[in-house]
Amino acid sequence: MNDAELSALVDDHYLAEAQTLTGTEANLLKLAELRGMLSAAQAGRWVELKAAYVRTQTLGGPESDPLTRAVAALGLLADRVAAVESAINRAVDPRHLIANPAPRTPGARA
């Protein structure tokens, strides 16, 4: 059995096993990541699934107390606003502008 046949066998087996579990898509994407075989589209989807999982966990999970979830959501919002503030500060920082000047267009005067 060559490498391609072995890879196809593992893919088929894991696909059959993953379908009996919840989160089939996540399981298959995780396998592809572990094997270093994620396509660009799969990598993007895997990032989305992981972010959704983290968001659910951060907000206290689906069955938690609504007040706890609301407070967690406010905390998450505060973190996101802080990240935006940090990005804006980096973008307008003179040191950043000197290190990363805007590209010139052809024919533009200095």
PDB file of N, CA and C in Angstrom:
ATOM      1  N   MET A   1       0.855  -1.170   0.000  1.00  0.00           N
ATOM      2  CA  MET A   1       0.000   0.000   0.000  1.00  0.00           C
ATOM      3  C   MET A   1       0.903   1.236   0.000  1.00  0.00           C
ATOM      4  N   ASN A   2       0.662   2.137  -0.950  1.00  0.00           N
ATOM      5  CA  ASN A   2       1.491   3.337  -1.022  1.00  0.00           C
ATOM      6  C   ASN A   2       0.909   4.443  -0.119  1.00  0.00           C
ATOM      7  N   ASP A   3       1.598   5.572  -0.064  1.00  0.00           N
ATOM      8  CA  ASP A   3       1.179   6.660   0.831  1.00  0.00           C
ATOM      9  C   ASP A   3      -0.197   7.212   0.486  1.00  0.00           C
ATOM     10  N   ALA A   4      -0.498   7.348  -0.791  1.00  0.00           N
ATOM     11  CA  ALA A   4      -1.803   7.883  -1.213  1.00  0.00           C
ATOM     12  C   ALA A   4      -2.927   6.934  -0.801  1.00  0.00           C
ATOM     13  N   GLU A   5      -2.716   5.624  -0.977  1.00  0.00           N
ATOM     14  CA  GLU A   5      -3.727   4.638  -0.589  1.00  0.00           C
ATOM     15  C   GLU A   5      -3.929   4.622   0.922  1.00  0.00           C
ATOM     16  N   LEU A   6      -2.845   4.714   1.661  1.00  0.00           N
ATOM     17  CA  LEU A   6      -2.935   4.745   3.114  1.00  0.00           C
ATOM     18  C   LEU A   6      -3.691   5.990   3.586  1.00  0.00           C
ATOM     19  N   SER A   7      -3.369   7.116   2.973  1.00  0.00           N
ATOM     20  CA  SER A   7      -4.052   8.355   3.322  1.00  0.00           C
ATOM     21  C   SER A   7      -5.546   8.258   3.026  1.00  0.00           C
ATOM     22  N   ALA A   8      -5.902   7.699   1.874  1.00  0.00           N
ATOM     23  CA  ALA A   8      -7.315   7.532   1.513  1.00  0.00           C
ATOM     24  C   ALA A   8      -8.017   6.591   2.488  1.00  0.00           C
ATOM     25  N   LEU A   9      -7.339   5.539   2.920  1.00  0.00           N
ATOM     26  CA  LEU A   9      -7.909   4.595   3.875  1.00  0.00           C
ATOM     27  C   LEU A   9      -8.187   5.275   5.212  1.00  0.00           C
ATOM     28  N   VAL A  10      -7.230   6.047   5.691  1.00  0.00           N
ATOM     29  CA  VAL A  10      -7.413   6.768   6.954  1.00  0.00           C
ATOM     30  C   VAL A  10      -8.552   7.777   6.821  1.00  0.00           C
ATOM     31  N   ASP A  11      -8.602   8.507   5.699  1.00  0.00           N
ATOM     32  CA  ASP A  11      -9.683   9.471   5.467  1.00  0.00           C
ATOM     33  C   ASP A  11     -11.047   8.797   5.498  1.00  0.00           C
ATOM     34  N   ASP A  12     -11.179   7.693   4.766  1.00  0.00           N
ATOM     35  CA  ASP A  12     -12.460   6.982   4.705  1.00  0.00           C
ATOM     36  C   ASP A  12     -12.868   6.444   6.071  1.00  0.00           C
ATOM     37  N   HIS A  13     -11.925   5.859   6.790  1.00  0.00           N
ATOM     38  CA  HIS A  13     -12.228   5.316   8.109  1.00  0.00           C
ATOM     39  C   HIS A  13     -12.661   6.425   9.064  1.00  0.00           C
ATOM     40  N   TYR A  14     -11.910   7.511   9.092  1.00  0.00           N
ATOM     41  CA  TYR A  14     -12.237   8.591  10.013  1.00  0.00           C
ATOM     42  C   TYR A  14     -13.555   9.243   9.643  1.00  0.00           C
ATOM     43  N   LEU A  15     -13.858   9.356   8.349  1.00  0.00           N
ATOM     44  CA  LEU A  15     -15.139   9.904   7.913  1.00  0.00           C
ATOM     45  C   LEU A  15     -16.286   9.046   8.436  1.00  0.00           C
ATOM     46  N   ALA A  16     -16.160   7.741   8.327  1.00  0.00           N
ATOM     47  CA  ALA A  16     -17.203   6.838   8.820  1.00  0.00           C
ATOM     48  C   ALA A  16     -17.353   6.950  10.332  1.00  0.00           C
ATOM     49  N   GLU A  17     -16.249   7.015  11.044  1.00  0.00           N
ATOM     50  CA  GLU A  17     -16.293   7.135  12.504  1.00  0.00           C
ATOM     51  C   GLU A  17     -16.854   8.490  12.937  1.00  0.00           C
ATOM     52  N   ALA A  18     -16.453   9.542  12.255  1.00  0.00           N
ATOM     53  CA  ALA A  18     -16.855  10.892  12.639  1.00  0.00           C
ATOM     54  C   ALA A  18     -18.351  11.107  12.458  1.00  0.00           C
ATOM     55  N   GLN A  19     -18.965  10.420  11.510  1.00  0.00           N
ATOM     56  CA  GLN A  19     -20.388  10.608  11.262  1.00  0.00           C
ATOM     57  C   GLN A  19     -21.253  10.093  12.392  1.00  0.00           C
ATOM     58  N   THR A  20     -20.716   9.222  13.218  1.00  0.00           N
ATOM     59  CA  THR A  20     -21.489   8.710  14.350  1.00  0.00           C
ATOM     60  C   THR A  20     -21.385   9.626  15.562  1.00  0.00           C
ATOM     61  N   LEU A  21     -20.563  10.646  15.470  1.00  0.00           N
ATOM     62  CA  LEU A  21     -20.350  11.563  16.575  1.00  0.00           C
ATOM     63  C   LEU A  21     -20.990  12.911  16.276  1.00  0.00           C
ATOM     64  N   THR A  22     -21.229  13.689  17.319  1.00  0.00           N
ATOM     65  CA  THR A  22     -21.659  15.060  17.077  1.00  0.00           C
ATOM     66  C   THR A  22     -20.429  15.864  16.696  1.00  0.00           C
ATOM     67  N   GLY A  23     -20.627  16.895  15.918  1.00  0.00           N
ATOM     68  CA  GLY A  23     -19.495  17.717  15.503  1.00  0.00           C
ATOM     69  C   GLY A  23     -18.671  17.071  14.420  1.00  0.00           C
ATOM     70  N   THR A  24     -19.304  16.388  13.491  1.00  0.00           N
ATOM     71  CA  THR A  24     -18.587  15.684  12.426  1.00  0.00           C
ATOM     72  C   THR A  24     -17.633  16.604  11.685  1.00  0.00           C
ATOM     73  N   GLU A  25     -18.123  17.778  11.304  1.00  0.00           N
ATOM     74  CA  GLU A  25     -17.283  18.702  10.549  1.00  0.00           C
ATOM     75  C   GLU A  25     -16.042  19.083  11.344  1.00  0.00           C
ATOM     76  N   ALA A  26     -16.226  19.392  12.616  1.00  0.00           N
ATOM     77  CA  ALA A  26     -15.093  19.774  13.458  1.00  0.00           C
ATOM     78  C   ALA A  26     -14.100  18.622  13.576  1.00  0.00           C
ATOM     79  N   ASN A  27     -14.610  17.407  13.724  1.00  0.00           N
ATOM     80  CA  ASN A  27     -13.723  16.249  13.846  1.00  0.00           C
ATOM     81  C   ASN A  27     -12.880  16.057  12.590  1.00  0.00           C
ATOM     82  N   LEU A  28     -13.517  16.196  11.428  1.00  0.00           N
ATOM     83  CA  LEU A  28     -12.782  15.997  10.172  1.00  0.00           C
ATOM     84  C   LEU A  28     -11.776  17.113   9.937  1.00  0.00           C
ATOM     85  N   LEU A  29     -12.149  18.346  10.295  1.00  0.00           N
ATOM     86  CA  LEU A  29     -11.208  19.447  10.132  1.00  0.00           C
ATOM     87  C   LEU A  29     -10.024  19.307  11.088  1.00  0.00           C
ATOM     88  N   LYS A  30     -10.280  18.853  12.303  1.00  0.00           N
ATOM     89  CA  LYS A  30      -9.202  18.639  13.262  1.00  0.00           C
ATOM     90  C   LYS A  30      -8.240  17.568  12.750  1.00  0.00           C
ATOM     91  N   LEU A  31      -8.785  16.501  12.177  1.00  0.00           N
ATOM     92  CA  LEU A  31      -7.931  15.454  11.604  1.00  0.00           C
ATOM     93  C   LEU A  31      -7.066  16.023  10.490  1.00  0.00           C
ATOM     94  N   ALA A  32      -7.674  16.794   9.597  1.00  0.00           N
ATOM     95  CA  ALA A  32      -6.911  17.380   8.498  1.00  0.00           C
ATOM     96  C   ALA A  32      -5.824  18.302   9.025  1.00  0.00           C
ATOM     97  N   GLU A  33      -6.139  19.049  10.093  1.00  0.00           N
ATOM     98  CA  GLU A  33      -5.125  19.931  10.685  1.00  0.00           C
ATOM     99  C   GLU A  33      -3.975  19.112  11.268  1.00  0.00           C
ATOM    100  N   LEU A  34      -4.300  18.067  11.995  1.00  0.00           N
ATOM    101  CA  LEU A  34      -3.263  17.223  12.603  1.00  0.00           C
ATOM    102  C   LEU A  34      -2.374  16.567  11.549  1.00  0.00           C
ATOM    103  N   ARG A  35      -2.959  16.252  10.404  1.00  0.00           N
ATOM    104  CA  ARG A  35      -2.210  15.596   9.337  1.00  0.00           C
ATOM    105  C   ARG A  35      -1.548  16.603   8.405  1.00  0.00           C
ATOM    106  N   GLY A  36      -1.780  17.905   8.629  1.00  0.00           N
ATOM    107  CA  GLY A  36      -1.187  18.926   7.782  1.00  0.00           C
ATOM    108  C   GLY A  36      -1.784  18.949   6.387  1.00  0.00           C
ATOM    109  N   MET A  37      -3.073  18.633   6.283  1.00  0.00           N
ATOM    110  CA  MET A  37      -3.712  18.523   4.973  1.00  0.00           C
ATOM    111  C   MET A  37      -4.896  19.475   4.816  1.00  0.00           C
ATOM    112  N   LEU A  38      -4.947  20.559   5.581  1.00  0.00           N
ATOM    113  CA  LEU A  38      -6.039  21.521   5.469  1.00  0.00           C
ATOM    114  C   LEU A  38      -5.882  22.370   4.211  1.00  0.00           C
ATOM    115  N   SER A  39      -6.959  22.506   3.450  1.00  0.00           N
ATOM    116  CA  SER A  39      -6.942  23.449   2.324  1.00  0.00           C
ATOM    117  C   SER A  39      -7.178  24.844   2.909  1.00  0.00           C
ATOM    118  N   ALA A  40      -7.038  25.860   2.079  1.00  0.00           N
ATOM    119  CA  ALA A  40      -7.262  27.227   2.552  1.00  0.00           C
ATOM    120  C   ALA A  40      -8.698  27.402   3.025  1.00  0.00           C
ATOM    121  N   ALA A  41      -9.651  26.855   2.289  1.00  0.00           N
ATOM    122  CA  ALA A  41     -11.067  26.964   2.679  1.00  0.00           C
ATOM    123  C   ALA A  41     -11.329  26.223   3.986  1.00  0.00           C
ATOM    124  N   GLN A  42     -10.750  25.034   4.111  1.00  0.00           N
ATOM    125  CA  GLN A  42     -10.921  24.265   5.338  1.00  0.00           C
ATOM    126  C   GLN A  42     -10.284  24.982   6.526  1.00  0.00           C
ATOM    127  N   ALA A  43      -9.128  25.576   6.311  1.00  0.00           N
ATOM    128  CA  ALA A  43      -8.454  26.298   7.397  1.00  0.00           C
ATOM    129  C   ALA A  43      -9.315  27.465   7.863  1.00  0.00           C
ATOM    130  N   GLY A  44      -9.927  28.182   6.919  1.00  0.00           N
ATOM    131  CA  GLY A  44     -10.808  29.279   7.294  1.00  0.00           C
ATOM    132  C   GLY A  44     -12.000  28.800   8.085  1.00  0.00           C
ATOM    133  N   ARG A  45     -12.611  27.704   7.650  1.00  0.00           N
ATOM    134  CA  ARG A  45     -13.765  27.151   8.361  1.00  0.00           C
ATOM    135  C   ARG A  45     -13.358  26.654   9.741  1.00  0.00           C
ATOM    136  N   TRP A  46     -12.181  26.053   9.857  1.00  0.00           N
ATOM    137  CA  TRP A  46     -11.702  25.545  11.143  1.00  0.00           C
ATOM    138  C   TRP A  46     -11.507  26.699  12.124  1.00  0.00           C
ATOM    139  N   VAL A  47     -10.967  27.808  11.642  1.00  0.00           N
ATOM    140  CA  VAL A  47     -10.806  28.993  12.487  1.00  0.00           C
ATOM    141  C   VAL A  47     -12.178  29.480  12.968  1.00  0.00           C
ATOM    142  N   GLU A  48     -13.176  29.493  12.071  1.00  0.00           N
ATOM    143  CA  GLU A  48     -14.528  29.915  12.451  1.00  0.00           C
ATOM    144  C   GLU A  48     -15.121  29.010  13.526  1.00  0.00           C
ATOM    145  N   LEU A  49     -14.974  27.701  13.353  1.00  0.00           N
ATOM    146  CA  LEU A  49     -15.532  26.758  14.331  1.00  0.00           C
ATOM    147  C   LEU A  49     -14.869  26.906  15.697  1.00  0.00           C
ATOM    148  N   LYS A  50     -13.544  27.073  15.692  1.00  0.00           N
ATOM    149  CA  LYS A  50     -12.845  27.234  16.970  1.00  0.00           C
ATOM    150  C   LYS A  50     -13.249  28.533  17.651  1.00  0.00           C
ATOM    151  N   ALA A  51     -13.419  29.608  16.873  1.00  0.00           N
ATOM    152  CA  ALA A  51     -13.829  30.891  17.451  1.00  0.00           C
ATOM    153  C   ALA A  51     -15.232  30.787  18.037  1.00  0.00           C
ATOM    154  N   ALA A  52     -16.126  30.088  17.342  1.00  0.00           N
ATOM    155  CA  ALA A  52     -17.491  29.901  17.851  1.00  0.00           C
ATOM    156  C   ALA A  52     -17.473  29.103  19.154  1.00  0.00           C
ATOM    157  N   TYR A  53     -16.629  28.089  19.217  1.00  0.00           N
ATOM    158  CA  TYR A  53     -16.516  27.293  20.439  1.00  0.00           C
ATOM    159  C   TYR A  53     -16.010  28.145  21.594  1.00  0.00           C
ATOM    160  N   VAL A  54     -14.964  28.914  21.339  1.00  0.00           N
ATOM    161  CA  VAL A  54     -14.407  29.772  22.393  1.00  0.00           C
ATOM    162  C   VAL A  54     -15.445  30.788  22.851  1.00  0.00           C
ATOM    163  N   ARG A  55     -16.178  31.365  21.898  1.00  0.00           N
ATOM    164  CA  ARG A  55     -17.208  32.343  22.236  1.00  0.00           C
ATOM    165  C   ARG A  55     -18.283  31.704  23.124  1.00  0.00           C
ATOM    166  N   THR A  56     -18.716  30.506  22.772  1.00  0.00           N
ATOM    167  CA  THR A  56     -19.729  29.807  23.568  1.00  0.00           C
ATOM    168  C   THR A  56     -19.212  29.529  24.973  1.00  0.00           C
ATOM    169  N   GLN A  57     -17.966  29.084  25.061  1.00  0.00           N
ATOM    170  CA  GLN A  57     -17.394  28.803  26.372  1.00  0.00           C
ATOM    171  C   GLN A  57     -17.212  30.084  27.188  1.00  0.00           C
ATOM    172  N   THR A  58     -16.793  31.149  26.520  1.00  0.00           N
ATOM    173  CA  THR A  58     -16.578  32.416  27.202  1.00  0.00           C
ATOM    174  C   THR A  58     -17.884  32.971  27.746  1.00  0.00           C
ATOM    175  N   LEU A  59     -18.956  32.776  27.004  1.00  0.00           N
ATOM    176  CA  LEU A  59     -20.249  33.305  27.421  1.00  0.00           C
ATOM    177  C   LEU A  59     -20.942  32.404  28.433  1.00  0.00           C
ATOM    178  N   GLY A  60     -20.299  31.367  28.882  1.00  0.00           N
ATOM    179  CA  GLY A  60     -20.859  30.538  29.931  1.00  0.00           C
ATOM    180  C   GLY A  60     -21.578  29.300  29.442  1.00  0.00           C
ATOM    181  N   GLY A  61     -21.526  29.021  28.174  1.00  0.00           N
ATOM    182  CA  GLY A  61     -22.188  27.841  27.641  1.00  0.00           C
ATOM    183  C   GLY A  61     -23.669  28.076  27.450  1.00  0.00           C
ATOM    184  N   PRO A  62     -24.326  27.197  26.705  1.00  0.00           N
ATOM    185  CA  PRO A  62     -25.724  27.410  26.351  1.00  0.00           C
ATOM    186  C   PRO A  62     -26.708  27.258  27.505  1.00  0.00           C
ATOM    187  N   GLU A  63     -26.340  26.573  28.571  1.00  0.00           N
ATOM    188  CA  GLU A  63     -27.297  26.301  29.638  1.00  0.00           C
ATOM    189  C   GLU A  63     -27.031  27.091  30.915  1.00  0.00           C
ATOM    190  N   SER A  64     -26.135  28.048  30.868  1.00  0.00           N
ATOM    191  CA  SER A  64     -25.801  28.809  32.061  1.00  0.00           C
ATOM    192  C   SER A  64     -26.870  29.850  32.381  1.00  0.00           C
ATOM    193  N   ASP A  65     -26.735  30.423  33.551  1.00  0.00           N
ATOM    194  CA  ASP A  65     -27.628  31.478  34.007  1.00  0.00           C
ATOM    195  C   ASP A  65     -27.575  32.666  33.047  1.00  0.00           C
ATOM    196  N   PRO A  66     -28.728  33.222  32.632  1.00  0.00           N
ATOM    197  CA  PRO A  66     -28.737  34.341  31.687  1.00  0.00           C
ATOM    198  C   PRO A  66     -27.954  35.558  32.180  1.00  0.00           C
ATOM    199  N   LEU A  67     -27.994  35.831  33.465  1.00  0.00           N
ATOM    200  CA  LEU A  67     -27.253  36.974  34.000  1.00  0.00           C
ATOM    201  C   LEU A  67     -25.747  36.738  33.849  1.00  0.00           C
ATOM    202  N   THR A  68     -25.308  35.544  34.114  1.00  0.00           N
ATOM    203  CA  THR A  68     -23.894  35.210  33.947  1.00  0.00           C
ATOM    204  C   THR A  68     -23.475  35.380  32.496  1.00  0.00           C
ATOM    205  N   ARG A  69     -24.322  34.934  31.585  1.00  0.00           N
ATOM    206  CA  ARG A  69     -24.017  35.078  30.153  1.00  0.00           C
ATOM    207  C   ARG A  69     -23.963  36.537  29.747  1.00  0.00           C
ATOM    208  N   ALA A  70     -24.868  37.362  30.287  1.00  0.00           N
ATOM    209  CA  ALA A  70     -24.887  38.788  29.941  1.00  0.00           C
ATOM    210  C   ALA A  70     -23.609  39.468  30.421  1.00  0.00           C
ATOM    211  N   VAL A  71     -23.190  39.168  31.633  1.00  0.00           N
ATOM    212  CA  VAL A  71     -21.966  39.760  32.166  1.00  0.00           C
ATOM    213  C   VAL A  71     -20.760  39.295  31.356  1.00  0.00           C
ATOM    214  N   ALA A  72     -20.725  38.027  30.993  1.00  0.00           N
ATOM    215  CA  ALA A  72     -19.624  37.508  30.179  1.00  0.00           C
ATOM    216  C   ALA A  72     -19.610  38.174  28.807  1.00  0.00           C
ATOM    217  N   ALA A  73     -20.793  38.410  28.234  1.00  0.00           N
ATOM    218  CA  ALA A  73     -20.875  39.078  26.937  1.00  0.00           C
ATOM    219  C   ALA A  73     -20.327  40.494  27.030  1.00  0.00           C
ATOM    220  N   LEU A  74     -20.625  41.201  28.104  1.00  0.00           N
ATOM    221  CA  LEU A  74     -20.085  42.550  28.290  1.00  0.00           C
ATOM    222  C   LEU A  74     -18.565  42.514  28.423  1.00  0.00           C
ATOM    223  N   GLY A  75     -18.058  41.526  29.126  1.00  0.00           N
ATOM    224  CA  GLY A  75     -16.610  41.372  29.245  1.00  0.00           C
ATOM    225  C   GLY A  75     -15.959  41.097  27.905  1.00  0.00           C
ATOM    226  N   LEU A  76     -16.599  40.254  27.106  1.00  0.00           N
ATOM    227  CA  LEU A  76     -16.085  39.949  25.770  1.00  0.00           C
ATOM    228  C   LEU A  76     -16.114  41.193  24.895  1.00  0.00           C
ATOM    229  N   LEU A  77     -17.189  41.964  24.987  1.00  0.00           N
ATOM    230  CA  LEU A  77     -17.289  43.211  24.232  1.00  0.00           C
ATOM    231  C   LEU A  77     -16.189  44.188  24.639  1.00  0.00           C
ATOM    232  N   ALA A  78     -15.936  44.284  25.930  1.00  0.00           N
ATOM    233  CA  ALA A  78     -14.870  45.176  26.414  1.00  0.00           C
ATOM    234  C   ALA A  78     -13.511  44.742  25.869  1.00  0.00           C
ATOM    235  N   ASP A  79     -13.275  43.438  25.815  1.00  0.00           N
ATOM    236  CA  ASP A  79     -12.016  42.937  25.256  1.00  0.00           C
ATOM    237  C   ASP A  79     -11.883  43.297  23.781  1.00  0.00           C
ATOM    238  N   ARG A  80     -12.972  43.166  23.035  1.00  0.00           N
ATOM    239  CA  ARG A  80     -12.936  43.486  21.602  1.00  0.00           C
ATOM    240  C   ARG A  80     -12.713  44.979  21.380  1.00  0.00           C
ATOM    241  N   VAL A  81     -13.357  45.820  22.180  1.00  0.00           N
ATOM    242  CA  VAL A  81     -13.167  47.267  22.064  1.00  0.00           C
ATOM    243  C   VAL A  81     -11.717  47.622  22.395  1.00  0.00           C
ATOM    244  N   ALA A  82     -11.160  46.981  23.392  1.00  0.00           N
ATOM    245  CA  ALA A  82      -9.761  47.229  23.746  1.00  0.00           C
ATOM    246  C   ALA A  82      -8.834  46.811  22.605  1.00  0.00           C
ATOM    247  N   ALA A  83      -9.155  45.709  21.928  1.00  0.00           N
ATOM    248  CA  ALA A  83      -8.337  45.271  20.788  1.00  0.00           C
ATOM    249  C   ALA A  83      -8.411  46.281  19.648  1.00  0.00           C
ATOM    250  N   VAL A  84      -9.591  46.835  19.403  1.00  0.00           N
ATOM    251  CA  VAL A  84      -9.744  47.856  18.360  1.00  0.00           C
ATOM    252  C   VAL A  84      -8.955  49.099  18.745  1.00  0.00           C
ATOM    253  N   GLU A  85      -9.050  49.510  19.995  1.00  0.00           N
ATOM    254  CA  GLU A  85      -8.297  50.681  20.468  1.00  0.00           C
ATOM    255  C   GLU A  85      -6.798  50.470  20.284  1.00  0.00           C
ATOM    256  N   SER A  86      -6.336  49.285  20.623  1.00  0.00           N
ATOM    257  CA  SER A  86      -4.915  48.976  20.471  1.00  0.00           C
ATOM    258  C   SER A  86      -4.489  49.029  19.002  1.00  0.00           C
ATOM    259  N   ALA A  87      -5.323  48.497  18.119  1.00  0.00           N
ATOM    260  CA  ALA A  87      -5.003  48.526  16.686  1.00  0.00           C
ATOM    261  C   ALA A  87      -4.957  49.958  16.165  1.00  0.00           C
ATOM    262  N   ILE A  88      -5.886  50.788  16.602  1.00  0.00           N
ATOM    263  CA  ILE A  88      -5.893  52.193  16.176  1.00  0.00           C
ATOM    264  C   ILE A  88      -4.642  52.903  16.686  1.00  0.00           C
ATOM    265  N   ASN A  89      -4.301  52.665  17.926  1.00  0.00           N
ATOM    266  CA  ASN A  89      -3.103  53.299  18.496  1.00  0.00           C
ATOM    267  C   ASN A  89      -1.838  52.879  17.749  1.00  0.00           C
ATOM    268  N   ARG A  90      -1.754  51.614  17.389  1.00  0.00           N
ATOM    269  CA  ARG A  90      -0.591  51.149  16.624  1.00  0.00           C
ATOM    270  C   ARG A  90      -0.560  51.796  15.243  1.00  0.00           C
ATOM    271  N   ALA A  91      -1.723  51.952  14.639  1.00  0.00           N
ATOM    272  CA  ALA A  91      -1.786  52.499  13.281  1.00  0.00           C
ATOM    273  C   ALA A  91      -1.376  53.971  13.233  1.00  0.00           C
ATOM    274  N   VAL A  92      -1.650  54.724  14.280  1.00  0.00           N
ATOM    275  CA  VAL A  92      -1.326  56.154  14.264  1.00  0.00           C
ATOM    276  C   VAL A  92      -0.027  56.466  14.995  1.00  0.00           C
ATOM    277  N   ASP A  93       0.604  55.468  15.544  1.00  0.00           N
ATOM    278  CA  ASP A  93       1.868  55.670  16.256  1.00  0.00           C
ATOM    279  C   ASP A  93       2.934  56.105  15.253  1.00  0.00           C
ATOM    280  N   PRO A  94       3.603  57.240  15.483  1.00  0.00           N
ATOM    281  CA  PRO A  94       4.621  57.725  14.536  1.00  0.00           C
ATOM    282  C   PRO A  94       5.730  56.703  14.294  1.00  0.00           C
ATOM    283  N   ARG A  95       6.079  55.935  15.298  1.00  0.00           N
ATOM    284  CA  ARG A  95       7.120  54.917  15.109  1.00  0.00           C
ATOM    285  C   ARG A  95       6.674  53.878  14.110  1.00  0.00           C
ATOM    286  N   HIS A  96       5.403  53.534  14.124  1.00  0.00           N
ATOM    287  CA  HIS A  96       4.862  52.561  13.174  1.00  0.00           C
ATOM    288  C   HIS A  96       4.878  53.148  11.753  1.00  0.00           C
ATOM    289  N   LEU A  97       4.524  54.410  11.630  1.00  0.00           N
ATOM    290  CA  LEU A  97       4.489  55.056  10.321  1.00  0.00           C
ATOM    291  C   LEU A  97       5.876  55.161   9.706  1.00  0.00           C
ATOM    292  N   ILE A  98       6.894  55.410  10.539  1.00  0.00           N
ATOM    293  CA  ILE A  98       8.265  55.499  10.044  1.00  0.00           C
ATOM    294  C   ILE A  98       8.764  54.114   9.625  1.00  0.00           C
ATOM    295  N   ALA A  99       8.461  53.101  10.432  1.00  0.00           N
ATOM    296  CA  ALA A  99       8.927  51.744  10.139  1.00  0.00           C
ATOM    297  C   ALA A  99       8.197  51.132   8.949  1.00  0.00           C
ATOM    298  N   ASN A 100       6.944  51.527   8.733  1.00  0.00           N
ATOM    299  CA  ASN A 100       6.128  50.957   7.653  1.00  0.00           C
ATOM    300  C   ASN A 100       5.505  52.076   6.812  1.00  0.00           C
ATOM    301  N   PRO A 101       6.310  52.779   6.024  1.00  0.00           N
ATOM    302  CA  PRO A 101       5.743  53.869   5.235  1.00  0.00           C
ATOM    303  C   PRO A 101       4.762  53.344   4.199  1.00  0.00           C
ATOM    304  N   ALA A 102       3.814  54.201   3.841  1.00  0.00           N
ATOM    305  CA  ALA A 102       2.825  53.843   2.827  1.00  0.00           C
ATOM    306  C   ALA A 102       3.534  53.651   1.494  1.00  0.00           C
ATOM    307  N   PRO A 103       3.118  52.640   0.725  1.00  0.00           N
ATOM    308  CA  PRO A 103       3.761  52.424  -0.585  1.00  0.00           C
ATOM    309  C   PRO A 103       3.448  53.576  -1.524  1.00  0.00           C
ATOM    310  N   ARG A 104       4.449  53.936  -2.334  1.00  0.00           N
ATOM    311  CA  ARG A 104       4.265  55.028  -3.293  1.00  0.00           C
ATOM    312  C   ARG A 104       3.684  54.484  -4.576  1.00  0.00           C
ATOM    313  N   THR A 105       2.886  55.318  -5.188  1.00  0.00           N
ATOM    314  CA  THR A 105       2.341  54.942  -6.487  1.00  0.00           C
ATOM    315  C   THR A 105       3.302  55.410  -7.558  1.00  0.00           C
ATOM    316  N   PRO A 106       3.402  54.705  -8.676  1.00  0.00           N
ATOM    317  CA  PRO A 106       4.310  55.128  -9.749  1.00  0.00           C
ATOM    318  C   PRO A 106       3.934  56.525 -10.257  1.00  0.00           C
ATOM    319  N   GLY A 107       4.950  57.367 -10.436  1.00  0.00           N
ATOM    320  CA  GLY A 107       4.709  58.718 -10.931  1.00  0.00           C
ATOM    321  C   GLY A 107       4.389  59.713  -9.845  1.00  0.00           C
ATOM    322  N   ALA A 108       4.312  59.292  -8.573  1.00  0.00           N
ATOM    323  CA  ALA A 108       4.003  60.211  -7.484  1.00  0.00           C
ATOM    324  C   ALA A 108       5.263  61.008  -7.137  1.00  0.00           C
ATOM    325  N   ARG A 109       5.059  62.263  -6.775  1.00  0.00           N
ATOM    326  CA  ARG A 109       6.196  63.097  -6.379  1.00  0.00           C
ATOM    327  C   ARG A 109       6.507  62.937  -4.906  1.00  0.00           C
ATOM    328  N   ALA A 110       7.764  63.058  -4.570  1.00  0.00           N
ATOM    329  CA  ALA A 110       8.211  62.906  -3.192  1.00  0.00           C
ATOM    330  C   ALA A 110       7.930  64.135  -2.370  1.00  0.00           C
TER     331      ALA A 110
END
